[in-house]
Amino acid sequence: MNQLVTYNSLVGYELEKTRKQLGIEQADLAAICGISQPVLSRLERGKASITIDQLFILCSALGVPPEQIVQRASIAVDAIQKEDSVEVKTTKEIGTTGALLTGAAIGAVLTLLLSKNK
């Protein structure tokens, strides 16, 4: 069975990676953006669908353009789709089937795939 990744989880992973690189705590970013820390956690893990409004608010607070986050997620999609064992799907397409990769697992897969392509 293939492992599945959602577009939401890839965008969330890129947001989390950027936040951590900037040394910002999750609770602090959530407070700045006017959302709860649990909501931000769910967005970063791809467990909740991120809205365009949320993406723009989070990116503004992080000081990065939204297109940078989307572009990095898009690069990840390209790398993942070259593999036979991992598929990228929408949250609706996944439903309850398959093993969903999130968080650290996505980071590990992306690191492996992107280093393989160099």
PDB file of N, CA and C in Angstrom:
ATOM      1  N   MET A   1       0.840  -1.185   0.000  1.00  0.00           N
ATOM      2  CA  MET A   1       0.000   0.000   0.000  1.00  0.00           C
ATOM      3  C   MET A   1       0.884   1.246   0.000  1.00  0.00           C
ATOM      4  N   ASN A   2       0.519   2.189  -0.812  1.00  0.00           N
ATOM      5  CA  ASN A   2       1.260   3.442  -0.875  1.00  0.00           C
ATOM      6  C   ASN A   2       1.029   4.281   0.373  1.00  0.00           C
ATOM      7  N   GLN A   3       2.037   5.072   0.712  1.00  0.00           N
ATOM      8  CA  GLN A   3       1.879   6.055   1.771  1.00  0.00           C
ATOM      9  C   GLN A   3       1.378   7.335   1.121  1.00  0.00           C
ATOM     10  N   LEU A   4       0.568   8.081   1.855  1.00  0.00           N
ATOM     11  CA  LEU A   4      -0.068   9.256   1.290  1.00  0.00           C
ATOM     12  C   LEU A   4       0.363  10.521   2.012  1.00  0.00           C
ATOM     13  N   VAL A   5       0.468  11.595   1.260  1.00  0.00           N
ATOM     14  CA  VAL A   5       0.781  12.910   1.786  1.00  0.00           C
ATOM     15  C   VAL A   5      -0.264  13.857   1.215  1.00  0.00           C
ATOM     16  N   THR A   6      -0.756  14.770   2.032  1.00  0.00           N
ATOM     17  CA  THR A   6      -1.705  15.760   1.517  1.00  0.00           C
ATOM     18  C   THR A   6      -0.970  17.046   1.169  1.00  0.00           C
ATOM     19  N   TYR A   7      -1.565  17.803   0.282  1.00  0.00           N
ATOM     20  CA  TYR A   7      -1.023  19.124  -0.035  1.00  0.00           C
ATOM     21  C   TYR A   7      -1.004  19.984   1.232  1.00  0.00           C
ATOM     22  N   ASN A   8      -2.061  19.867   2.037  1.00  0.00           N
ATOM     23  CA  ASN A   8      -2.117  20.618   3.297  1.00  0.00           C
ATOM     24  C   ASN A   8      -0.934  20.293   4.197  1.00  0.00           C
ATOM     25  N   SER A   9      -0.581  19.016   4.278  1.00  0.00           N
ATOM     26  CA  SER A   9       0.523  18.642   5.163  1.00  0.00           C
ATOM     27  C   SER A   9       1.853  19.175   4.650  1.00  0.00           C
ATOM     28  N   LEU A  10       2.015  19.282   3.339  1.00  0.00           N
ATOM     29  CA  LEU A  10       3.257  19.830   2.784  1.00  0.00           C
ATOM     30  C   LEU A  10       3.357  21.332   3.043  1.00  0.00           C
ATOM     31  N   VAL A  11       2.265  22.050   2.891  1.00  0.00           N
ATOM     32  CA  VAL A  11       2.262  23.485   3.199  1.00  0.00           C
ATOM     33  C   VAL A  11       2.497  23.674   4.696  1.00  0.00           C
ATOM     34  N   GLY A  12       1.824  22.878   5.515  1.00  0.00           N
ATOM     35  CA  GLY A  12       2.015  22.961   6.958  1.00  0.00           C
ATOM     36  C   GLY A  12       3.439  22.668   7.366  1.00  0.00           C
ATOM     37  N   TYR A  13       4.041  21.676   6.736  1.00  0.00           N
ATOM     38  CA  TYR A  13       5.431  21.336   7.029  1.00  0.00           C
ATOM     39  C   TYR A  13       6.349  22.512   6.702  1.00  0.00           C
ATOM     40  N   GLU A  14       6.126  23.166   5.577  1.00  0.00           N
ATOM     41  CA  GLU A  14       6.957  24.315   5.196  1.00  0.00           C
ATOM     42  C   GLU A  14       6.760  25.484   6.154  1.00  0.00           C
ATOM     43  N   LEU A  15       5.542  25.696   6.617  1.00  0.00           N
ATOM     44  CA  LEU A  15       5.298  26.744   7.617  1.00  0.00           C
ATOM     45  C   LEU A  15       6.025  26.431   8.919  1.00  0.00           C
ATOM     46  N   GLU A  16       5.919  25.186   9.355  1.00  0.00           N
ATOM     47  CA  GLU A  16       6.587  24.782  10.598  1.00  0.00           C
ATOM     48  C   GLU A  16       8.104  24.916  10.470  1.00  0.00           C
ATOM     49  N   LYS A  17       8.641  24.475   9.352  1.00  0.00           N
ATOM     50  CA  LYS A  17      10.095  24.544   9.136  1.00  0.00           C
ATOM     51  C   LYS A  17      10.565  25.999   9.171  1.00  0.00           C
ATOM     52  N   THR A  18       9.813  26.893   8.533  1.00  0.00           N
ATOM     53  CA  THR A  18      10.165  28.312   8.523  1.00  0.00           C
ATOM     54  C   THR A  18      10.087  28.896   9.926  1.00  0.00           C
ATOM     55  N   ARG A  19       9.023  28.566  10.650  1.00  0.00           N
ATOM     56  CA  ARG A  19       8.858  29.061  12.023  1.00  0.00           C
ATOM     57  C   ARG A  19      10.029  28.635  12.894  1.00  0.00           C
ATOM     58  N   LYS A  20      10.408  27.380  12.791  1.00  0.00           N
ATOM     59  CA  LYS A  20      11.515  26.866  13.607  1.00  0.00           C
ATOM     60  C   LYS A  20      12.844  27.496  13.211  1.00  0.00           C
ATOM     61  N   GLN A  21      13.055  27.695  11.905  1.00  0.00           N
ATOM     62  CA  GLN A  21      14.295  28.338  11.442  1.00  0.00           C
ATOM     63  C   GLN A  21      14.410  29.755  11.994  1.00  0.00           C
ATOM     64  N   LEU A  22      13.280  30.409  12.163  1.00  0.00           N
ATOM     65  CA  LEU A  22      13.272  31.778  12.697  1.00  0.00           C
ATOM     66  C   LEU A  22      13.310  31.802  14.227  1.00  0.00           C
ATOM     67  N   GLY A  23      13.233  30.635  14.844  1.00  0.00           N
ATOM     68  CA  GLY A  23      13.288  30.555  16.302  1.00  0.00           C
ATOM     69  C   GLY A  23      12.033  31.053  17.000  1.00  0.00           C
ATOM     70  N   ILE A  24      10.904  30.921  16.331  1.00  0.00           N
ATOM     71  CA  ILE A  24       9.635  31.374  16.895  1.00  0.00           C
ATOM     72  C   ILE A  24       8.889  30.175  17.464  1.00  0.00           C
ATOM     73  N   GLU A  25       8.444  30.312  18.698  1.00  0.00           N
ATOM     74  CA  GLU A  25       7.661  29.249  19.333  1.00  0.00           C
ATOM     75  C   GLU A  25       6.258  29.201  18.725  1.00  0.00           C
ATOM     76  N   GLN A  26       5.702  28.020  18.675  1.00  0.00           N
ATOM     77  CA  GLN A  26       4.368  27.830  18.112  1.00  0.00           C
ATOM     78  C   GLN A  26       3.331  28.695  18.834  1.00  0.00           C
ATOM     79  N   ALA A  27       3.384  28.722  20.152  1.00  0.00           N
ATOM     80  CA  ALA A  27       2.409  29.507  20.929  1.00  0.00           C
ATOM     81  C   ALA A  27       2.533  30.996  20.626  1.00  0.00           C
ATOM     82  N   ASP A  28       3.765  31.468  20.427  1.00  0.00           N
ATOM     83  CA  ASP A  28       3.982  32.885  20.123  1.00  0.00           C
ATOM     84  C   ASP A  28       3.416  33.251  18.757  1.00  0.00           C
ATOM     85  N   LEU A  29       3.673  32.401  17.744  1.00  0.00           N
ATOM     86  CA  LEU A  29       3.147  32.667  16.409  1.00  0.00           C
ATOM     87  C   LEU A  29       1.621  32.621  16.416  1.00  0.00           C
ATOM     88  N   ALA A  30       1.076  31.655  17.117  1.00  0.00           N
ATOM     89  CA  ALA A  30      -0.383  31.552  17.201  1.00  0.00           C
ATOM     90  C   ALA A  30      -0.978  32.821  17.799  1.00  0.00           C
ATOM     91  N   ALA A  31      -0.372  33.322  18.866  1.00  0.00           N
ATOM     92  CA  ALA A  31      -0.868  34.538  19.521  1.00  0.00           C
ATOM     93  C   ALA A  31      -0.792  35.736  18.582  1.00  0.00           C
ATOM     94  N   ILE A  32       0.319  35.868  17.870  1.00  0.00           N
ATOM     95  CA  ILE A  32       0.484  36.980  16.927  1.00  0.00           C
ATOM     96  C   ILE A  32      -0.597  36.925  15.842  1.00  0.00           C
ATOM     97  N   CYS A  33      -0.935  35.719  15.414  1.00  0.00           N
ATOM     98  CA  CYS A  33      -1.894  35.537  14.318  1.00  0.00           C
ATOM     99  C   CYS A  33      -3.349  35.483  14.776  1.00  0.00           C
ATOM    100  N   GLY A  34      -3.557  35.468  16.075  1.00  0.00           N
ATOM    101  CA  GLY A  34      -4.932  35.443  16.580  1.00  0.00           C
ATOM    102  C   GLY A  34      -5.612  34.095  16.463  1.00  0.00           C
ATOM    103  N   ILE A  35      -4.820  33.024  16.489  1.00  0.00           N
ATOM    104  CA  ILE A  35      -5.390  31.681  16.495  1.00  0.00           C
ATOM    105  C   ILE A  35      -4.850  30.945  17.715  1.00  0.00           C
ATOM    106  N   SER A  36      -5.475  29.857  18.060  1.00  0.00           N
ATOM    107  CA  SER A  36      -4.999  29.095  19.216  1.00  0.00           C
ATOM    108  C   SER A  36      -3.794  28.241  18.820  1.00  0.00           C
ATOM    109  N   GLN A  37      -2.985  27.891  19.798  1.00  0.00           N
ATOM    110  CA  GLN A  37      -1.825  27.043  19.545  1.00  0.00           C
ATOM    111  C   GLN A  37      -2.246  25.674  19.010  1.00  0.00           C
ATOM    112  N   PRO A  38      -3.326  25.057  19.553  1.00  0.00           N
ATOM    113  CA  PRO A  38      -3.754  23.772  18.979  1.00  0.00           C
ATOM    114  C   PRO A  38      -4.166  23.874  17.502  1.00  0.00           C
ATOM    115  N   VAL A  39      -4.782  24.992  17.120  1.00  0.00           N
ATOM    116  CA  VAL A  39      -5.158  25.177  15.715  1.00  0.00           C
ATOM    117  C   VAL A  39      -3.898  25.269  14.856  1.00  0.00           C
ATOM    118  N   LEU A  40      -2.910  26.047  15.307  1.00  0.00           N
ATOM    119  CA  LEU A  40      -1.660  26.160  14.560  1.00  0.00           C
ATOM    120  C   LEU A  40      -0.973  24.803  14.453  1.00  0.00           C
ATOM    121  N   SER A  41      -0.990  24.048  15.519  1.00  0.00           N
ATOM    122  CA  SER A  41      -0.397  22.713  15.502  1.00  0.00           C
ATOM    123  C   SER A  41      -1.066  21.833  14.447  1.00  0.00           C
ATOM    124  N   ARG A  42      -2.385  21.873  14.399  1.00  0.00           N
ATOM    125  CA  ARG A  42      -3.120  21.073  13.411  1.00  0.00           C
ATOM    126  C   ARG A  42      -2.807  21.528  11.983  1.00  0.00           C
ATOM    127  N   LEU A  43      -2.652  22.841  11.783  1.00  0.00           N
ATOM    128  CA  LEU A  43      -2.304  23.358  10.457  1.00  0.00           C
ATOM    129  C   LEU A  43      -0.910  22.902  10.048  1.00  0.00           C
ATOM    130  N   GLU A  44       0.041  22.990  10.966  1.00  0.00           N
ATOM    131  CA  GLU A  44       1.411  22.592  10.662  1.00  0.00           C
ATOM    132  C   GLU A  44       1.533  21.100  10.382  1.00  0.00           C
ATOM    133  N   ARG A  45       0.700  20.290  11.010  1.00  0.00           N
ATOM    134  CA  ARG A  45       0.750  18.837  10.800  1.00  0.00           C
ATOM    135  C   ARG A  45      -0.121  18.378   9.639  1.00  0.00           C
ATOM    136  N   GLY A  46      -0.827  19.323   9.003  1.00  0.00           N
ATOM    137  CA  GLY A  46      -1.695  18.953   7.892  1.00  0.00           C
ATOM    138  C   GLY A  46      -2.972  18.269   8.325  1.00  0.00           C
ATOM    139  N   LYS A  47      -3.301  18.382   9.604  1.00  0.00           N
ATOM    140  CA  LYS A  47      -4.517  17.749  10.127  1.00  0.00           C
ATOM    141  C   LYS A  47      -5.740  18.635   9.927  1.00  0.00           C
ATOM    142  N   ALA A  48      -5.509  19.899   9.579  1.00  0.00           N
ATOM    143  CA  ALA A  48      -6.598  20.831   9.279  1.00  0.00           C
ATOM    144  C   ALA A  48      -6.261  21.517   7.969  1.00  0.00           C
ATOM    145  N   SER A  49      -7.274  21.812   7.195  1.00  0.00           N
ATOM    146  CA  SER A  49      -7.062  22.499   5.924  1.00  0.00           C
ATOM    147  C   SER A  49      -6.785  23.969   6.173  1.00  0.00           C
ATOM    148  N   ILE A  50      -5.695  24.464   5.604  1.00  0.00           N
ATOM    149  CA  ILE A  50      -5.336  25.864   5.771  1.00  0.00           C
ATOM    150  C   ILE A  50      -6.085  26.698   4.737  1.00  0.00           C
ATOM    151  N   THR A  51      -6.636  27.815   5.180  1.00  0.00           N
ATOM    152  CA  THR A  51      -7.315  28.718   4.254  1.00  0.00           C
ATOM    153  C   THR A  51      -6.299  29.696   3.679  1.00  0.00           C
ATOM    154  N   ILE A  52      -6.670  30.336   2.607  1.00  0.00           N
ATOM    155  CA  ILE A  52      -5.809  31.365   2.013  1.00  0.00           C
ATOM    156  C   ILE A  52      -5.585  32.483   3.031  1.00  0.00           C
ATOM    157  N   ASP A  53      -6.644  32.865   3.748  1.00  0.00           N
ATOM    158  CA  ASP A  53      -6.507  33.905   4.776  1.00  0.00           C
ATOM    159  C   ASP A  53      -5.471  33.502   5.824  1.00  0.00           C
ATOM    160  N   GLN A  54      -5.570  32.277   6.315  1.00  0.00           N
ATOM    161  CA  GLN A  54      -4.616  31.805   7.323  1.00  0.00           C
ATOM    162  C   GLN A  54      -3.198  31.784   6.772  1.00  0.00           C
ATOM    163  N   LEU A  55      -3.029  31.329   5.534  1.00  0.00           N
ATOM    164  CA  LEU A  55      -1.709  31.287   4.914  1.00  0.00           C
ATOM    165  C   LEU A  55      -1.096  32.681   4.858  1.00  0.00           C
ATOM    166  N   PHE A  56      -1.873  33.660   4.412  1.00  0.00           N
ATOM    167  CA  PHE A  56      -1.366  35.024   4.314  1.00  0.00           C
ATOM    168  C   PHE A  56      -1.052  35.611   5.690  1.00  0.00           C
ATOM    169  N   ILE A  57      -1.889  35.361   6.675  1.00  0.00           N
ATOM    170  CA  ILE A  57      -1.659  35.869   8.031  1.00  0.00           C
ATOM    171  C   ILE A  57      -0.402  35.249   8.632  1.00  0.00           C
ATOM    172  N   LEU A  58      -0.264  33.932   8.507  1.00  0.00           N
ATOM    173  CA  LEU A  58       0.918  33.245   9.050  1.00  0.00           C
ATOM    174  C   LEU A  58       2.192  33.701   8.348  1.00  0.00           C
ATOM    175  N   CYS A  59       2.137  33.798   7.039  1.00  0.00           N
ATOM    176  CA  CYS A  59       3.318  34.227   6.288  1.00  0.00           C
ATOM    177  C   CYS A  59       3.703  35.662   6.634  1.00  0.00           C
ATOM    178  N   SER A  60       2.724  36.517   6.793  1.00  0.00           N
ATOM    179  CA  SER A  60       3.008  37.899   7.187  1.00  0.00           C
ATOM    180  C   SER A  60       3.708  37.941   8.542  1.00  0.00           C
ATOM    181  N   ALA A  61       3.210  37.164   9.482  1.00  0.00           N
ATOM    182  CA  ALA A  61       3.818  37.113  10.812  1.00  0.00           C
ATOM    183  C   ALA A  61       5.224  36.530  10.772  1.00  0.00           C
ATOM    184  N   LEU A  62       5.472  35.608   9.850  1.00  0.00           N
ATOM    185  CA  LEU A  62       6.796  35.001   9.706  1.00  0.00           C
ATOM    186  C   LEU A  62       7.731  35.854   8.852  1.00  0.00           C
ATOM    187  N   GLY A  63       7.161  36.834   8.148  1.00  0.00           N
ATOM    188  CA  GLY A  63       7.974  37.694   7.296  1.00  0.00           C
ATOM    189  C   GLY A  63       8.416  37.031   6.004  1.00  0.00           C
ATOM    190  N   VAL A  64       7.612  36.103   5.522  1.00  0.00           N
ATOM    191  CA  VAL A  64       7.919  35.430   4.255  1.00  0.00           C
ATOM    192  C   VAL A  64       6.719  35.561   3.325  1.00  0.00           C
ATOM    193  N   PRO A  65       6.967  35.683   2.027  1.00  0.00           N
ATOM    194  CA  PRO A  65       5.839  35.752   1.094  1.00  0.00           C
ATOM    195  C   PRO A  65       5.143  34.394   0.994  1.00  0.00           C
ATOM    196  N   PRO A  66       3.817  34.397   0.915  1.00  0.00           N
ATOM    197  CA  PRO A  66       3.083  33.122   0.793  1.00  0.00           C
ATOM    198  C   PRO A  66       3.555  32.286  -0.386  1.00  0.00           C
ATOM    199  N   GLU A  67       3.937  32.957  -1.470  1.00  0.00           N
ATOM    200  CA  GLU A  67       4.367  32.198  -2.645  1.00  0.00           C
ATOM    201  C   GLU A  67       5.645  31.406  -2.372  1.00  0.00           C
ATOM    202  N   GLN A  68       6.451  31.851  -1.435  1.00  0.00           N
ATOM    203  CA  GLN A  68       7.662  31.103  -1.072  1.00  0.00           C
ATOM    204  C   GLN A  68       7.289  29.770  -0.420  1.00  0.00           C
ATOM    205  N   ILE A  69       6.310  29.807   0.475  1.00  0.00           N
ATOM    206  CA  ILE A  69       5.856  28.581   1.143  1.00  0.00           C
ATOM    207  C   ILE A  69       5.226  27.642   0.125  1.00  0.00           C
ATOM    208  N   VAL A  70       4.375  28.184  -0.742  1.00  0.00           N
ATOM    209  CA  VAL A  70       3.698  27.364  -1.746  1.00  0.00           C
ATOM    210  C   VAL A  70       4.716  26.798  -2.740  1.00  0.00           C
ATOM    211  N   GLN A  71       5.701  27.597  -3.125  1.00  0.00           N
ATOM    212  CA  GLN A  71       6.721  27.112  -4.065  1.00  0.00           C
ATOM    213  C   GLN A  71       7.516  25.961  -3.460  1.00  0.00           C
ATOM    214  N   ARG A  72       7.908  26.087  -2.187  1.00  0.00           N
ATOM    215  CA  ARG A  72       8.658  24.997  -1.550  1.00  0.00           C
ATOM    216  C   ARG A  72       7.800  23.740  -1.436  1.00  0.00           C
ATOM    217  N   ALA A  73       6.510  23.918  -1.135  1.00  0.00           N
ATOM    218  CA  ALA A  73       5.607  22.767  -1.078  1.00  0.00           C
ATOM    219  C   ALA A  73       5.471  22.140  -2.463  1.00  0.00           C
ATOM    220  N   SER A  74       5.441  22.975  -3.497  1.00  0.00           N
ATOM    221  CA  SER A  74       5.329  22.488  -4.869  1.00  0.00           C
ATOM    222  C   SER A  74       6.567  21.693  -5.281  1.00  0.00           C
ATOM    223  N   ILE A  75       7.735  22.154  -4.880  1.00  0.00           N
ATOM    224  CA  ILE A  75       8.973  21.419  -5.150  1.00  0.00           C
ATOM    225  C   ILE A  75       8.911  20.050  -4.474  1.00  0.00           C
ATOM    226  N   ALA A  76       8.386  20.033  -3.249  1.00  0.00           N
ATOM    227  CA  ALA A  76       8.243  18.770  -2.521  1.00  0.00           C
ATOM    228  C   ALA A  76       7.277  17.839  -3.243  1.00  0.00           C
ATOM    229  N   VAL A  77       6.167  18.388  -3.747  1.00  0.00           N
ATOM    230  CA  VAL A  77       5.200  17.575  -4.494  1.00  0.00           C
ATOM    231  C   VAL A  77       5.890  16.935  -5.696  1.00  0.00           C
ATOM    232  N   ASP A  78       6.663  17.720  -6.427  1.00  0.00           N
ATOM    233  CA  ASP A  78       7.370  17.187  -7.603  1.00  0.00           C
ATOM    234  C   ASP A  78       8.304  16.045  -7.218  1.00  0.00           C
ATOM    235  N   ALA A  79       9.054  16.240  -6.119  1.00  0.00           N
ATOM    236  CA  ALA A  79       9.993  15.200  -5.676  1.00  0.00           C
ATOM    237  C   ALA A  79       9.253  13.943  -5.234  1.00  0.00           C
ATOM    238  N   ILE A  80       8.174  14.119  -4.499  1.00  0.00           N
ATOM    239  CA  ILE A  80       7.412  12.981  -3.974  1.00  0.00           C
ATOM    240  C   ILE A  80       6.739  12.209  -5.104  1.00  0.00           C
ATOM    241  N   GLN A  81       6.207  12.917  -6.086  1.00  0.00           N
ATOM    242  CA  GLN A  81       5.475  12.240  -7.159  1.00  0.00           C
ATOM    243  C   GLN A  81       6.378  11.402  -8.059  1.00  0.00           C
ATOM    244  N   LYS A  82       7.675  11.570  -7.944  1.00  0.00           N
ATOM    245  CA  LYS A  82       8.610  10.736  -8.707  1.00  0.00           C
ATOM    246  C   LYS A  82       8.800   9.367  -8.061  1.00  0.00           C
ATOM    247  N   GLU A  83       8.330   9.223  -6.827  1.00  0.00           N
ATOM    248  CA  GLU A  83       8.472   7.968  -6.091  1.00  0.00           C
ATOM    249  C   GLU A  83       7.237   7.102  -6.283  1.00  0.00           C
ATOM    250  N   ASP A  84       7.435   5.805  -6.317  1.00  0.00           N
ATOM    251  CA  ASP A  84       6.312   4.880  -6.471  1.00  0.00           C
ATOM    252  C   ASP A  84       5.566   4.635  -5.167  1.00  0.00           C
ATOM    253  N   SER A  85       6.244   4.803  -4.033  1.00  0.00           N
ATOM    254  CA  SER A  85       5.634   4.402  -2.766  1.00  0.00           C
ATOM    255  C   SER A  85       4.928   5.533  -2.025  1.00  0.00           C
ATOM    256  N   VAL A  86       4.998   6.768  -2.540  1.00  0.00           N
ATOM    257  CA  VAL A  86       4.363   7.903  -1.858  1.00  0.00           C
ATOM    258  C   VAL A  86       3.517   8.660  -2.869  1.00  0.00           C
ATOM    259  N   GLU A  87       2.279   8.964  -2.492  1.00  0.00           N
ATOM    260  CA  GLU A  87       1.375   9.726  -3.344  1.00  0.00           C
ATOM    261  C   GLU A  87       0.984  11.011  -2.642  1.00  0.00           C
ATOM    262  N   VAL A  88       0.767  12.068  -3.422  1.00  0.00           N
ATOM    263  CA  VAL A  88       0.260  13.321  -2.884  1.00  0.00           C
ATOM    264  C   VAL A  88      -1.183  13.448  -3.343  1.00  0.00           C
ATOM    265  N   LYS A  89      -2.072  13.657  -2.376  1.00  0.00           N
ATOM    266  CA  LYS A  89      -3.497  13.766  -2.685  1.00  0.00           C
ATOM    267  C   LYS A  89      -4.115  14.881  -1.857  1.00  0.00           C
ATOM    268  N   THR A  90      -5.332  15.239  -2.213  1.00  0.00           N
ATOM    269  CA  THR A  90      -6.064  16.192  -1.387  1.00  0.00           C
ATOM    270  C   THR A  90      -6.618  15.447  -0.176  1.00  0.00           C
ATOM    271  N   THR A  91      -6.989  16.188   0.836  1.00  0.00           N
ATOM    272  CA  THR A  91      -7.552  15.585   2.035  1.00  0.00           C
ATOM    273  C   THR A  91      -8.812  14.794   1.702  1.00  0.00           C
ATOM    274  N   LYS A  92      -9.646  15.305   0.807  1.00  0.00           N
ATOM    275  CA  LYS A  92     -10.877  14.610   0.418  1.00  0.00           C
ATOM    276  C   LYS A  92     -10.572  13.287  -0.278  1.00  0.00           C
ATOM    277  N   GLU A  93      -9.539  13.266  -1.102  1.00  0.00           N
ATOM    278  CA  GLU A  93      -9.188  12.043  -1.835  1.00  0.00           C
ATOM    279  C   GLU A  93      -8.705  10.940  -0.899  1.00  0.00           C
ATOM    280  N   ILE A  94      -8.050  11.320   0.190  1.00  0.00           N
ATOM    281  CA  ILE A  94      -7.487  10.320   1.099  1.00  0.00           C
ATOM    282  C   ILE A  94      -8.577   9.645   1.914  1.00  0.00           C
ATOM    283  N   GLY A  95      -9.492  10.421   2.447  1.00  0.00           N
ATOM    284  CA  GLY A  95     -10.548   9.835   3.266  1.00  0.00           C
ATOM    285  C   GLY A  95      -9.961   9.030   4.402  1.00  0.00           C
ATOM    286  N   THR A  96     -10.352   7.777   4.507  1.00  0.00           N
ATOM    287  CA  THR A  96      -9.863   6.938   5.600  1.00  0.00           C
ATOM    288  C   THR A  96      -8.921   5.848   5.122  1.00  0.00           C
ATOM    289  N   THR A  97      -8.531   5.885   3.850  1.00  0.00           N
ATOM    290  CA  THR A  97      -7.663   4.824   3.339  1.00  0.00           C
ATOM    291  C   THR A  97      -6.205   5.240   3.367  1.00  0.00           C
ATOM    292  N   GLY A  98      -5.334   4.279   3.476  1.00  0.00           N
ATOM    293  CA  GLY A  98      -3.910   4.534   3.366  1.00  0.00           C
ATOM    294  C   GLY A  98      -3.269   5.028   4.640  1.00  0.00           C
ATOM    295  N   ALA A  99      -1.955   5.011   4.641  1.00  0.00           N
ATOM    296  CA  ALA A  99      -1.169   5.516   5.757  1.00  0.00           C
ATOM    297  C   ALA A  99      -0.753   6.934   5.421  1.00  0.00           C
ATOM    298  N   LEU A 100      -1.141   7.884   6.246  1.00  0.00           N
ATOM    299  CA  LEU A 100      -0.869   9.292   5.989  1.00  0.00           C
ATOM    300  C   LEU A 100       0.429   9.720   6.654  1.00  0.00           C
ATOM    301  N   LEU A 101       1.332  10.306   5.875  1.00  0.00           N
ATOM    302  CA  LEU A 101       2.577  10.836   6.417  1.00  0.00           C
ATOM    303  C   LEU A 101       2.355  12.267   6.889  1.00  0.00           C
ATOM    304  N   THR A 102       2.838  12.585   8.061  1.00  0.00           N
ATOM    305  CA  THR A 102       2.772  13.962   8.542  1.00  0.00           C
ATOM    306  C   THR A 102       4.065  14.315   9.258  1.00  0.00           C
ATOM    307  N   GLY A 103       4.222  15.610   9.525  1.00  0.00           N
ATOM    308  CA  GLY A 103       5.306  16.115  10.355  1.00  0.00           C
ATOM    309  C   GLY A 103       6.684  15.605  10.026  1.00  0.00           C
ATOM    310  N   ALA A 104       7.319  14.975  11.008  1.00  0.00           N
ATOM    311  CA  ALA A 104       8.698  14.517  10.871  1.00  0.00           C
ATOM    312  C   ALA A 104       8.850  13.507   9.740  1.00  0.00           C
ATOM    313  N   ALA A 105       7.828  12.707   9.501  1.00  0.00           N
ATOM    314  CA  ALA A 105       7.911  11.723   8.418  1.00  0.00           C
ATOM    315  C   ALA A 105       8.021  12.420   7.072  1.00  0.00           C
ATOM    316  N   ILE A 106       7.291  13.508   6.889  1.00  0.00           N
ATOM    317  CA  ILE A 106       7.383  14.264   5.641  1.00  0.00           C
ATOM    318  C   ILE A 106       8.781  14.849   5.506  1.00  0.00           C
ATOM    319  N   GLY A 107       9.288  15.405   6.599  1.00  0.00           N
ATOM    320  CA  GLY A 107      10.636  15.964   6.583  1.00  0.00           C
ATOM    321  C   GLY A 107      11.670  14.932   6.177  1.00  0.00           C
ATOM    322  N   ALA A 108      11.555  13.737   6.725  1.00  0.00           N
ATOM    323  CA  ALA A 108      12.504  12.670   6.404  1.00  0.00           C
ATOM    324  C   ALA A 108      12.385  12.254   4.940  1.00  0.00           C
ATOM    325  N   VAL A 109      11.160  12.114   4.459  1.00  0.00           N
ATOM    326  CA  VAL A 109      10.955  11.724   3.059  1.00  0.00           C
ATOM    327  C   VAL A 109      11.492  12.804   2.127  1.00  0.00           C
ATOM    328  N   LEU A 110      11.192  14.074   2.428  1.00  0.00           N
ATOM    329  CA  LEU A 110      11.650  15.156   1.577  1.00  0.00           C
ATOM    330  C   LEU A 110      13.173  15.261   1.574  1.00  0.00           C
ATOM    331  N   THR A 111      13.778  15.138   2.720  1.00  0.00           N
ATOM    332  CA  THR A 111      15.237  15.190   2.805  1.00  0.00           C
ATOM    333  C   THR A 111      15.849  14.104   1.936  1.00  0.00           C
ATOM    334  N   LEU A 112      15.315  12.908   2.051  1.00  0.00           N
ATOM    335  CA  LEU A 112      15.811  11.786   1.260  1.00  0.00           C
ATOM    336  C   LEU A 112      15.628  12.029  -0.239  1.00  0.00           C
ATOM    337  N   LEU A 113      14.420  12.439  -0.624  1.00  0.00           N
ATOM    338  CA  LEU A 113      14.131  12.615  -2.049  1.00  0.00           C
ATOM    339  C   LEU A 113      14.887  13.775  -2.648  1.00  0.00           C
ATOM    340  N   LEU A 114      14.956  14.889  -1.946  1.00  0.00           N
ATOM    341  CA  LEU A 114      15.635  16.054  -2.498  1.00  0.00           C
ATOM    342  C   LEU A 114      17.146  15.865  -2.557  1.00  0.00           C
ATOM    343  N   SER A 115      17.703  15.122  -1.602  1.00  0.00           N
ATOM    344  CA  SER A 115      19.143  14.867  -1.653  1.00  0.00           C
ATOM    345  C   SER A 115      19.466  13.857  -2.758  1.00  0.00           C
ATOM    346  N   LYS A 116      18.527  12.973  -3.048  1.00  0.00           N
ATOM    347  CA  LYS A 116      18.691  11.983  -4.109  1.00  0.00           C
ATOM    348  C   LYS A 116      18.704  12.659  -5.484  1.00  0.00           C
ATOM    349  N   ASN A 117      17.973  13.767  -5.598  1.00  0.00           N
ATOM    350  CA  ASN A 117      17.847  14.458  -6.897  1.00  0.00           C
ATOM    351  C   ASN A 117      19.023  15.378  -7.195  1.00  0.00           C
ATOM    352  N   LYS A 118      19.934  15.571  -6.270  1.00  0.00           N
ATOM    353  CA  LYS A 118      21.070  16.488  -6.491  1.00  0.00           C
ATOM    354  C   LYS A 118      22.154  15.855  -7.289  1.00  0.00           C
TER     355      LYS A 118
END
